Protein backbone atom coordinates (compact mmCIF):
# COMPACT_ATOMS: atom_id res chain seq x y z
CA MET A 1 -15.05 -52.28 15.09
CA PRO A 2 -17.67 -53.91 17.34
CA ARG A 3 -21.19 -53.64 15.98
CA ILE A 4 -24.55 -54.72 17.33
CA ARG A 5 -25.42 -58.12 15.92
CA LYS A 6 -27.80 -58.14 12.90
CA THR A 7 -28.31 -54.35 12.80
CA GLY A 8 -24.63 -53.51 12.17
CA ALA A 9 -24.91 -50.36 14.28
CA VAL A 10 -21.68 -48.95 15.74
CA TYR A 11 -21.65 -48.68 19.53
CA PRO A 12 -19.12 -47.26 22.04
CA ILE A 13 -16.49 -49.50 23.56
CA ARG A 14 -14.77 -49.02 26.87
CA HIS A 15 -11.11 -48.04 26.77
CA GLU A 16 -8.81 -48.01 29.77
CA GLN A 17 -5.42 -46.36 30.06
CA ARG A 18 -3.15 -46.79 33.06
CA LYS A 19 -0.63 -44.16 34.02
CA THR A 20 2.04 -44.30 36.76
CA LEU A 21 2.16 -41.12 38.80
CA LYS A 22 5.27 -39.59 40.40
CA ASP A 23 4.47 -41.12 43.79
CA GLY A 24 4.43 -44.59 42.24
CA THR A 25 0.70 -45.11 42.31
CA VAL A 26 -1.10 -46.26 39.20
CA LYS A 27 -4.16 -44.36 38.04
CA THR A 28 -6.62 -45.72 35.52
CA TYR A 29 -8.30 -43.39 33.04
CA VAL A 30 -11.50 -44.64 31.40
CA ASN A 31 -13.16 -43.28 28.27
CA TRP A 32 -15.45 -44.52 25.53
CA GLN A 33 -14.57 -44.51 21.84
CA ALA A 34 -15.73 -45.72 18.45
CA LYS A 35 -14.56 -45.59 14.83
CA VAL A 36 -16.91 -44.10 12.24
CA ASP A 37 -15.92 -43.94 8.56
CA GLY A 38 -12.25 -44.28 9.40
CA ARG A 39 -12.25 -41.62 12.12
CA TRP A 40 -12.28 -42.10 15.86
CA VAL A 41 -14.71 -40.35 18.22
CA SER A 42 -14.26 -40.47 21.97
CA ALA A 43 -15.88 -39.15 25.15
CA LYS A 44 -15.71 -39.60 28.91
CA THR A 45 -19.16 -41.21 29.10
CA TYR A 46 -20.99 -43.86 27.09
CA LYS A 47 -23.90 -41.49 26.44
CA GLU A 48 -21.69 -38.67 25.10
CA CYS A 49 -19.76 -41.06 22.85
CA ASP A 50 -23.02 -42.51 21.53
CA ARG A 51 -24.18 -38.96 20.68
CA LYS A 52 -20.95 -38.31 18.76
CA ILE A 53 -21.43 -41.56 16.84
CA ALA A 54 -24.93 -40.49 15.80
CA GLU A 55 -23.60 -37.08 14.76
CA ALA A 56 -20.79 -38.62 12.69
CA LEU A 57 -23.21 -41.03 10.98
CA LYS A 58 -25.56 -38.15 10.20
CA GLU A 59 -22.68 -36.22 8.62
CA LYS A 60 -21.73 -39.26 6.57
CA THR A 61 -25.32 -39.63 5.34
CA GLU A 62 -25.66 -35.92 4.58
CA TRP A 63 -22.22 -35.21 3.08
CA GLY A 64 -20.95 -38.65 2.13
CA MET A 65 -18.10 -38.27 4.63
CA GLY A 66 -17.41 -37.39 8.22
CA VAL A 67 -16.07 -34.01 9.34
CA ASP A 68 -12.62 -33.87 10.88
CA ARG A 69 -12.99 -32.57 14.45
CA ALA A 70 -9.35 -32.79 15.46
CA THR A 71 -7.22 -30.95 12.89
CA ARG A 72 -6.75 -27.30 13.74
CA LEU A 73 -6.55 -24.44 11.26
CA GLY A 74 -3.03 -23.39 12.25
CA GLU A 75 -1.38 -26.79 11.88
CA TYR A 76 -3.13 -27.51 8.58
CA ALA A 77 -2.22 -24.05 7.20
CA GLU A 78 1.42 -24.70 8.11
CA ARG A 79 1.46 -28.00 6.21
CA TRP A 80 -0.37 -26.42 3.26
CA PHE A 81 2.05 -23.49 3.03
CA GLU A 82 5.06 -25.81 3.12
CA LEU A 83 3.87 -27.28 -0.20
CA LYS A 84 2.43 -24.06 -1.65
CA ARG A 85 5.62 -22.06 -1.28
CA ARG A 86 7.39 -24.32 -3.77
CA ASP A 87 5.32 -22.78 -6.57
CA LEU A 88 5.35 -19.15 -5.43
CA LYS A 89 7.60 -16.31 -6.51
CA PRO A 90 9.88 -14.83 -3.82
CA LYS A 91 7.72 -11.76 -3.15
CA SER A 92 4.61 -13.91 -2.97
CA ILE A 93 6.31 -16.21 -0.45
CA ASN A 94 6.97 -13.23 1.82
CA ASN A 95 3.42 -11.92 1.40
CA TYR A 96 1.89 -15.31 2.20
CA ALA A 97 4.18 -15.78 5.21
CA SER A 98 3.30 -12.33 6.52
CA LEU A 99 -0.46 -12.85 6.18
CA ILE A 100 -0.30 -16.26 7.85
CA SER A 101 1.94 -15.19 10.73
CA VAL A 102 0.15 -11.90 11.46
CA HIS A 103 -3.52 -12.63 10.74
CA LEU A 104 -4.09 -16.38 10.54
CA CYS A 105 -2.18 -17.12 13.74
CA LYS A 106 -5.00 -15.52 15.76
CA TYR A 107 -7.26 -18.39 14.73
CA ALA A 108 -4.63 -21.15 14.74
CA ASN A 109 -6.44 -23.15 17.44
CA GLU A 110 -9.79 -23.11 15.65
CA LYS A 111 -10.81 -26.57 14.53
CA LEU A 112 -10.89 -26.83 10.75
CA GLY A 113 -14.32 -28.48 10.65
CA GLU A 114 -15.93 -25.89 12.93
CA VAL A 115 -15.04 -22.75 10.98
CA THR A 116 -18.25 -21.29 9.51
CA ALA A 117 -18.89 -18.87 6.64
CA SER A 118 -19.75 -16.06 9.06
CA ALA A 119 -16.53 -16.76 11.01
CA VAL A 120 -14.51 -16.30 7.80
CA GLN A 121 -16.28 -13.00 7.15
CA ARG A 122 -15.39 -11.82 10.65
CA MET A 123 -11.76 -12.90 10.20
CA ILE A 124 -11.43 -10.68 7.14
CA ALA A 125 -13.52 -7.77 8.42
CA ASN A 126 -11.58 -7.59 11.71
CA MET A 127 -8.11 -7.56 10.13
CA ARG A 128 -5.81 -4.94 11.67
CA ASN A 129 -2.25 -3.83 11.05
CA LEU A 130 0.33 -4.11 13.82
CA ASP A 131 -0.33 -0.47 14.76
CA GLY A 132 -4.06 -1.15 15.12
CA THR A 133 -5.20 0.55 11.92
CA PRO A 134 -7.56 -1.28 9.52
CA CYS A 135 -5.82 -3.31 6.83
CA SER A 136 -5.84 -2.22 3.21
CA TYR A 137 -8.14 -3.71 0.60
CA ASN A 138 -5.23 -5.47 -1.07
CA ARG A 139 -4.15 -7.11 2.19
CA GLN A 140 -7.70 -8.21 2.96
CA LEU A 141 -8.00 -9.63 -0.55
CA GLY A 142 -4.72 -11.51 -0.10
CA PHE A 143 -5.94 -13.02 3.17
CA TYR A 144 -9.24 -14.00 1.54
CA ASN A 145 -7.38 -15.78 -1.26
CA ILE A 146 -5.19 -17.66 1.23
CA LEU A 147 -8.20 -18.81 3.26
CA ASN A 148 -9.96 -19.83 0.06
CA GLN A 149 -7.01 -21.97 -1.02
CA ILE A 150 -6.53 -23.54 2.42
CA PHE A 151 -10.14 -24.65 2.78
CA LYS A 152 -10.32 -25.88 -0.80
CA ALA A 153 -7.27 -28.02 -0.07
CA ALA A 154 -8.96 -29.29 3.10
CA VAL A 155 -12.01 -30.31 1.04
CA ALA A 156 -9.73 -32.12 -1.42
CA ASP A 157 -8.07 -33.92 1.51
CA ARG A 158 -11.54 -35.01 2.71
CA LEU A 159 -11.13 -33.28 6.05
CA ILE A 160 -14.26 -31.16 5.56
CA PRO A 161 -17.21 -31.61 3.16
CA THR A 162 -17.46 -28.01 1.92
CA SER A 163 -15.46 -24.79 2.15
CA PRO A 164 -16.78 -22.02 4.43
CA VAL A 165 -15.10 -19.36 2.26
CA THR A 166 -17.88 -17.86 0.12
CA SER A 167 -18.09 -14.91 -2.24
CA ALA A 168 -19.82 -12.95 0.53
CA ALA A 169 -16.54 -12.90 2.46
CA ARG A 170 -14.61 -11.37 -0.43
CA PRO A 171 -13.59 -7.81 0.60
CA LYS A 172 -15.14 -4.87 -1.22
CA ARG A 173 -13.38 -1.70 -2.28
CA ARG A 174 -14.45 1.30 -0.25
CA ASP A 175 -15.57 4.44 -2.05
CA THR A 176 -13.25 7.32 -1.31
CA GLY A 177 -15.87 9.97 -0.86
CA LEU A 178 -15.41 13.69 -1.37
CA ALA A 179 -14.02 14.15 2.13
CA GLY A 180 -10.81 12.36 1.22
CA ASP A 181 -7.49 13.94 0.40
CA ARG A 182 -7.70 15.78 -2.93
CA ARG A 183 -4.89 16.08 -5.45
CA THR A 184 -4.40 17.87 -8.72
CA ILE A 185 -3.98 15.65 -11.77
CA ASN A 186 -3.60 17.12 -15.25
CA GLY A 187 -5.15 20.41 -14.15
CA PRO A 188 -8.55 19.50 -12.61
CA VAL A 189 -9.02 18.38 -9.03
CA ALA A 190 -9.36 14.65 -8.54
CA VAL A 191 -10.07 12.59 -5.45
CA SER A 192 -7.13 10.51 -4.26
CA ALA A 193 -7.34 6.87 -3.34
CA ASP A 194 -8.67 5.93 0.06
CA ARG A 195 -5.61 5.52 2.24
CA ARG A 196 -7.51 3.16 4.46
CA SER A 197 -8.06 0.80 1.55
CA GLY A 198 -4.42 0.99 0.48
CA THR A 199 -5.29 1.60 -3.15
CA GLN A 200 -3.73 4.28 -5.31
CA ASP A 201 -5.06 6.24 -8.25
CA ARG A 202 -3.48 5.20 -11.51
CA LYS A 203 -2.10 8.57 -12.53
CA ALA A 204 -0.02 9.73 -15.45
CA PHE A 205 2.29 12.69 -15.83
CA THR A 206 1.24 15.32 -18.32
CA VAL A 207 3.27 15.92 -21.47
CA GLU A 208 4.59 19.15 -19.95
CA GLN A 209 5.65 17.35 -16.75
CA MET A 210 7.47 14.65 -18.71
CA GLN A 211 9.25 17.36 -20.72
CA ASP A 212 10.25 19.15 -17.52
CA MET A 213 11.69 15.93 -16.03
CA LEU A 214 13.59 15.12 -19.22
CA GLU A 215 15.02 18.63 -19.20
CA ALA A 216 15.90 18.51 -15.48
CA SER A 217 17.73 15.20 -15.82
CA SER A 218 19.80 16.25 -18.84
CA ASP A 219 22.45 17.99 -16.73
CA ASP A 220 23.94 14.75 -15.35
CA LEU A 221 24.64 11.99 -17.88
CA PHE A 222 25.32 9.30 -15.25
CA LEU A 223 22.04 9.82 -13.35
CA GLY A 224 20.00 11.28 -16.18
CA ALA A 225 20.40 8.38 -18.62
CA ARG A 226 18.49 6.10 -16.25
CA GLN A 227 15.65 8.63 -15.91
CA TRP A 228 15.43 9.10 -19.67
CA TRP A 229 15.23 5.32 -20.01
CA ARG A 230 12.39 5.25 -17.47
CA LEU A 231 10.46 8.09 -19.08
CA LEU A 232 10.87 6.90 -22.68
CA THR A 233 10.37 3.14 -22.35
CA GLY A 234 7.70 2.68 -19.67
CA MET A 235 9.57 -0.29 -18.22
CA ARG A 236 9.04 -1.47 -14.65
CA GLN A 237 11.56 -0.46 -11.99
CA GLY A 238 12.97 -3.97 -11.50
CA GLU A 239 13.39 -4.38 -15.26
CA ILE A 240 15.30 -1.10 -15.49
CA LEU A 241 17.62 -1.88 -12.59
CA GLY A 242 18.17 -5.39 -13.94
CA ALA A 243 18.82 -4.32 -17.53
CA THR A 244 21.95 -6.04 -18.88
CA LEU A 245 24.29 -5.15 -21.70
CA ASP A 246 23.77 -8.61 -23.20
CA ASP A 247 20.13 -7.76 -23.94
CA LEU A 248 20.81 -4.30 -25.41
CA ASP A 249 21.26 -3.90 -29.15
CA LEU A 250 22.29 -0.42 -30.34
CA TRP A 251 23.32 0.56 -33.83
CA ARG A 252 24.16 3.80 -35.61
CA ASP A 253 21.54 5.03 -38.08
CA LYS A 254 23.29 7.31 -40.58
CA THR A 255 20.05 7.89 -42.49
CA LEU A 256 18.78 10.03 -39.60
CA GLU A 257 21.96 12.07 -39.24
CA THR A 258 22.36 15.62 -40.41
CA PRO A 259 25.48 17.82 -40.51
CA ASP A 260 24.41 19.39 -37.20
CA SER A 261 23.00 16.36 -35.41
CA GLY A 262 26.11 14.27 -34.93
CA GLU A 263 25.84 10.51 -34.53
CA ILE A 264 22.33 9.06 -34.13
CA TRP A 265 21.90 5.72 -32.39
CA ILE A 266 18.77 3.57 -32.22
CA GLY A 267 18.13 0.03 -31.07
CA THR A 268 16.08 -2.41 -29.06
CA TYR A 269 16.18 -3.88 -25.59
CA THR A 270 14.92 -7.42 -24.88
CA VAL A 271 13.48 -7.82 -21.37
CA ASN A 272 14.73 -11.12 -19.96
CA TRP A 273 15.54 -10.21 -16.36
CA LYS A 274 14.62 -7.99 -13.47
CA LEU A 275 16.68 -7.09 -10.41
CA GLU A 276 15.22 -8.48 -7.20
CA SER A 277 16.29 -8.55 -3.57
CA LEU A 278 15.88 -12.11 -2.26
CA ASP A 279 15.73 -13.48 1.27
CA LYS A 280 17.57 -16.46 2.69
CA GLU A 281 16.41 -19.12 5.13
CA HIS A 282 18.12 -21.68 7.34
CA GLY A 283 18.97 -24.97 5.65
CA CYS A 284 20.44 -26.65 8.74
CA GLY A 285 17.12 -27.84 10.19
CA GLU A 286 14.33 -26.67 12.46
CA PRO A 287 14.94 -24.45 15.52
CA GLY A 288 14.79 -25.94 19.00
CA ARG A 289 12.55 -24.90 21.85
CA ASP A 290 14.94 -22.07 22.67
CA GLY A 291 14.64 -20.73 19.12
CA ARG A 292 18.24 -21.59 18.22
CA TYR A 293 19.00 -23.35 14.95
CA PRO A 294 21.40 -26.34 14.73
CA CYS A 295 24.04 -24.14 13.05
CA GLY A 296 24.12 -21.87 16.12
CA PHE A 297 23.32 -18.68 14.20
CA LYS A 298 20.15 -16.63 14.38
CA ARG A 299 20.33 -14.94 10.97
CA PRO A 300 19.74 -17.16 7.93
CA SER A 301 22.53 -15.40 6.02
CA SER A 302 25.06 -16.71 8.57
CA CYS A 303 23.93 -20.33 8.25
CA PRO A 304 26.56 -22.40 6.39
CA ARG A 305 23.76 -24.31 4.66
CA TYR A 306 21.47 -21.37 3.92
CA ARG A 307 18.88 -21.61 1.13
CA TRP A 308 17.29 -18.92 -1.01
CA ARG A 309 13.61 -18.40 -0.28
CA VAL A 310 12.49 -19.15 -3.82
CA PRO A 311 10.31 -21.87 -5.41
CA ASP A 312 11.84 -25.12 -6.58
CA GLY A 313 13.70 -24.79 -9.88
CA TYR A 314 13.52 -20.98 -9.83
CA ASP A 315 15.62 -19.41 -12.60
CA MET A 316 17.91 -16.83 -11.06
CA ILE A 317 21.44 -15.44 -11.31
CA HIS A 318 22.89 -14.39 -7.96
CA LEU A 319 24.90 -11.17 -8.23
CA CYS A 320 25.97 -10.13 -4.74
CA LYS A 321 24.53 -9.92 -1.22
CA GLY A 322 20.78 -10.46 -1.64
CA TYR A 323 20.61 -9.17 -5.21
CA ALA A 324 19.79 -11.51 -8.06
CA LEU A 325 18.51 -11.39 -11.62
CA THR A 326 15.14 -13.16 -11.80
CA PRO A 327 12.48 -13.58 -14.53
CA PRO A 328 10.41 -10.44 -15.23
CA LYS A 329 6.73 -10.11 -14.36
CA SER A 330 5.64 -10.42 -17.99
CA ALA A 331 6.84 -13.10 -20.38
CA ARG A 332 10.48 -13.03 -21.35
CA GLY A 333 11.50 -11.77 -24.75
CA LYS A 334 9.49 -8.53 -24.75
CA VAL A 335 11.25 -6.17 -27.19
CA VAL A 336 11.31 -2.49 -26.22
CA PRO A 337 12.17 -0.05 -29.05
CA ILE A 338 14.94 2.45 -28.24
CA ILE A 339 14.07 5.65 -30.10
CA PRO A 340 16.89 7.80 -31.58
CA GLN A 341 16.93 10.41 -28.80
CA LEU A 342 17.15 7.76 -26.07
CA GLY A 343 19.55 5.56 -28.05
CA THR A 344 21.96 8.46 -28.54
CA VAL A 345 21.89 9.32 -24.82
CA VAL A 346 22.45 5.68 -23.83
CA HIS A 347 25.36 5.35 -26.25
CA ARG A 348 27.00 8.45 -24.79
CA TYR A 349 26.39 7.10 -21.28
CA LEU A 350 27.95 3.73 -22.07
CA GLU A 351 31.01 5.34 -23.64
CA ALA A 352 31.45 7.70 -20.68
CA THR A 353 31.20 4.97 -18.02
CA GLU A 354 32.93 2.07 -19.78
CA ASN A 355 36.45 2.67 -18.48
CA ILE A 356 35.60 4.75 -15.40
CA ILE A 357 32.94 2.79 -13.51
CA PRO A 358 33.47 -0.95 -12.88
CA ASN A 359 30.81 -3.33 -14.14
CA PRO A 360 31.35 -6.83 -12.70
CA TYR A 361 27.71 -7.83 -13.26
CA ASN A 362 27.29 -6.48 -16.81
CA LEU A 363 24.47 -4.12 -15.80
CA ILE A 364 23.55 -1.05 -17.82
CA PHE A 365 22.69 1.01 -14.73
CA ARG A 366 24.70 0.62 -11.52
CA THR A 367 26.25 2.59 -8.68
CA ARG A 368 29.52 4.43 -9.08
CA GLU A 369 31.18 1.45 -7.39
CA GLY A 370 29.67 -0.93 -9.96
CA MET A 371 27.14 -2.47 -7.58
CA PRO A 372 23.43 -3.11 -8.32
CA LEU A 373 21.16 -0.17 -7.55
CA ALA A 374 18.82 -0.54 -4.56
CA ALA A 375 15.15 0.05 -5.31
CA LEU A 376 14.84 2.57 -2.45
CA ASP A 377 17.81 4.57 -3.74
CA ASP A 378 16.35 4.58 -7.24
CA ARG A 379 13.00 5.77 -5.88
CA ALA A 380 14.69 8.56 -3.91
CA SER A 381 16.60 9.61 -7.03
CA PHE A 382 13.40 9.85 -9.07
CA ARG A 383 11.63 11.85 -6.37
CA ASP A 384 14.55 14.26 -6.29
CA LEU A 385 14.15 14.62 -10.06
CA MET A 386 10.44 15.37 -9.65
CA ARG A 387 11.28 17.98 -7.01
CA ARG A 388 13.77 19.71 -9.31
CA ALA A 389 11.28 19.56 -12.19
CA GLY A 390 8.58 21.23 -10.07
CA ILE A 391 6.15 18.28 -10.08
CA PRO A 392 3.32 18.99 -7.58
CA ASP A 393 2.96 16.57 -4.65
CA TYR A 394 6.14 14.77 -5.69
CA GLU A 395 6.37 13.02 -2.29
CA ASN A 396 3.33 10.93 -3.24
CA ARG A 397 4.23 10.20 -6.86
CA TYR A 398 6.04 7.10 -8.09
CA GLY A 399 8.32 6.07 -10.92
CA HIS A 400 5.80 3.44 -11.99
CA GLU A 401 3.58 6.31 -13.10
CA CYS A 402 5.98 6.80 -16.00
CA ARG A 403 4.63 3.49 -17.26
CA ASN A 404 1.10 4.87 -17.10
CA SER A 405 2.33 8.03 -18.81
CA VAL A 406 3.86 6.15 -21.75
CA VAL A 407 0.69 4.09 -22.22
CA SER A 408 -1.52 7.18 -22.08
CA LEU A 409 0.70 9.12 -24.48
CA LEU A 410 0.76 6.25 -26.99
CA PHE A 411 -3.03 6.04 -26.90
CA HIS A 412 -3.22 9.82 -27.32
CA MET A 413 -0.98 9.57 -30.38
CA LYS A 414 -3.41 7.01 -31.91
CA VAL A 415 -0.95 4.10 -31.74
CA ASP A 416 -2.61 0.74 -32.35
CA PRO A 417 -3.66 -0.82 -28.97
CA GLY A 418 -2.09 -4.15 -29.95
CA ILE A 419 1.27 -2.45 -30.52
CA ILE A 420 0.97 -0.65 -27.18
CA GLN A 421 0.34 -3.98 -25.49
CA ARG A 422 3.49 -5.45 -27.06
CA ILE A 423 5.65 -2.42 -26.21
CA VAL A 424 4.82 -2.30 -22.49
CA GLY A 425 4.37 -6.06 -22.06
CA HIS A 426 0.79 -6.16 -20.84
CA SER A 427 -1.05 -9.48 -20.80
CA SER A 428 -3.98 -8.03 -22.75
CA ILE A 429 -5.22 -4.89 -24.48
CA ALA A 430 -7.71 -4.52 -21.64
CA MET A 431 -4.79 -4.19 -19.20
CA SER A 432 -3.25 -1.48 -21.38
CA GLU A 433 -6.58 0.35 -21.30
CA HIS A 434 -6.57 -0.03 -17.51
CA TYR A 435 -3.25 1.85 -17.37
CA ARG A 436 -4.51 4.57 -19.68
CA THR A 437 -5.17 8.03 -18.28
CA VAL A 438 -7.26 10.22 -20.56
CA PRO A 439 -6.61 13.99 -20.36
CA VAL A 440 -9.65 16.20 -19.84
CA GLU A 441 -9.00 17.85 -23.21
CA ASP A 442 -9.47 14.51 -24.98
CA LEU A 443 -12.65 13.86 -23.01
CA MET A 444 -13.97 17.28 -24.00
CA ARG A 445 -13.20 16.69 -27.69
CA GLY A 446 -15.00 13.38 -27.48
CA MET A 447 -18.09 14.86 -25.87
CA GLU A 448 -18.17 17.73 -28.39
CA THR A 449 -19.21 15.20 -31.02
CA ILE A 450 -22.60 15.12 -29.27
CA SER A 451 -23.12 18.72 -30.36
CA ASP A 452 -22.55 17.80 -33.99
CA GLY A 453 -24.69 14.70 -33.73
CA LEU A 454 -27.63 16.56 -32.22
CA GLY A 455 -27.17 19.72 -34.28
CA LEU A 456 -27.15 21.86 -31.14
CA LYS A 457 -25.87 24.90 -33.04
CA GLN A 458 -29.20 25.09 -34.92
CA ILE A 459 -31.27 25.16 -31.74
CA GLU A 460 -31.97 28.60 -30.27
CA TRP A 461 -33.56 29.42 -26.93
CA LYS A 462 -36.87 31.26 -27.26
CA ALA A 463 -36.81 32.77 -23.83
């Protein structure tokens, strides 16, 4: 790079580019450019180029590097996601892709080095759903995490000196307020989660409600066995629908049998899989300008060289259509005890369905045609059970609340927190506590100890 003799200062050099126009004439374009710390700066005039050189040298002195003024946020995010997706789980891939395509694309033309901390705050604060409503807290948090990762990667690539994503941009949960929708939980009135924030109260069914659902589901062995399993194990929906016979161990316990009880079966289930619906993507190449892929098909499932949208080396067993067995959320090998009442019901269910309902995929729970159960169908089945059991506000309750209910009941029965953690597969005791719902009666008994501690019964009012 030309430099002024003795001083070593970088100065602009003239650059000419000739272009032949359609009429055959040749036009010459002149600009000025210079290379500073491995990056080119250019301008139409000598003075403007000299100013950019001074600015680049100042950045190098201040930050130890120059700031990339060419790379745009959209193109860098695309390259970053292409690598990131190889380490993400299928659902996370879809979430990342959705956040990038819906929210980041609005700022795709922003230059990476010119995005400021206040601009990041505005990006997150102004997030809107496709229908124009404000995005939920969880979606805002997901977008914040993506921006944080993208700009950290840009710093590591020496495109920018520092990340504009600060803790001030991290979204905050909104307080519901007393004006929100109110729902009855365990008797008293409680404030529901703010629907604008997208969060939900972690609720648990009462003992009476669980008893009512167990009773209501006992009239149909084929459908009821799955609901008993849900209510008496606290397993996640995907783990229930992906439960396999290979991981079930049932045995008859004659020591528990009485002349009137009949056979009693107990056992364990080892959680190694969950049922998941996976997406496919084209493997034939990139689409052309007209949006058509080389294979000629629009849908990825029709592509002869389709690929599953999963990370590299992902452990999965494809069953049929988009259904596959994939690793569970918690670590594999979690052992769930099958108590006698549940074990006996499951044994009866297996005997009744063994020769009547096909089972090509070795699943415990399946459709009457032997196919994997869809999550939406399972959710509808549980809501119908809640309706028949008389559960209030059943349209807004979920099967996952059975997990909260099991945790809360185990705590109520004074089971060791470490054992609870192992049973439900939480990463820590603190997470088990997070799922715990304490009935008002237990809170009252706890607070009544204040009366004994202060000797309130001995204090009499004088007036």
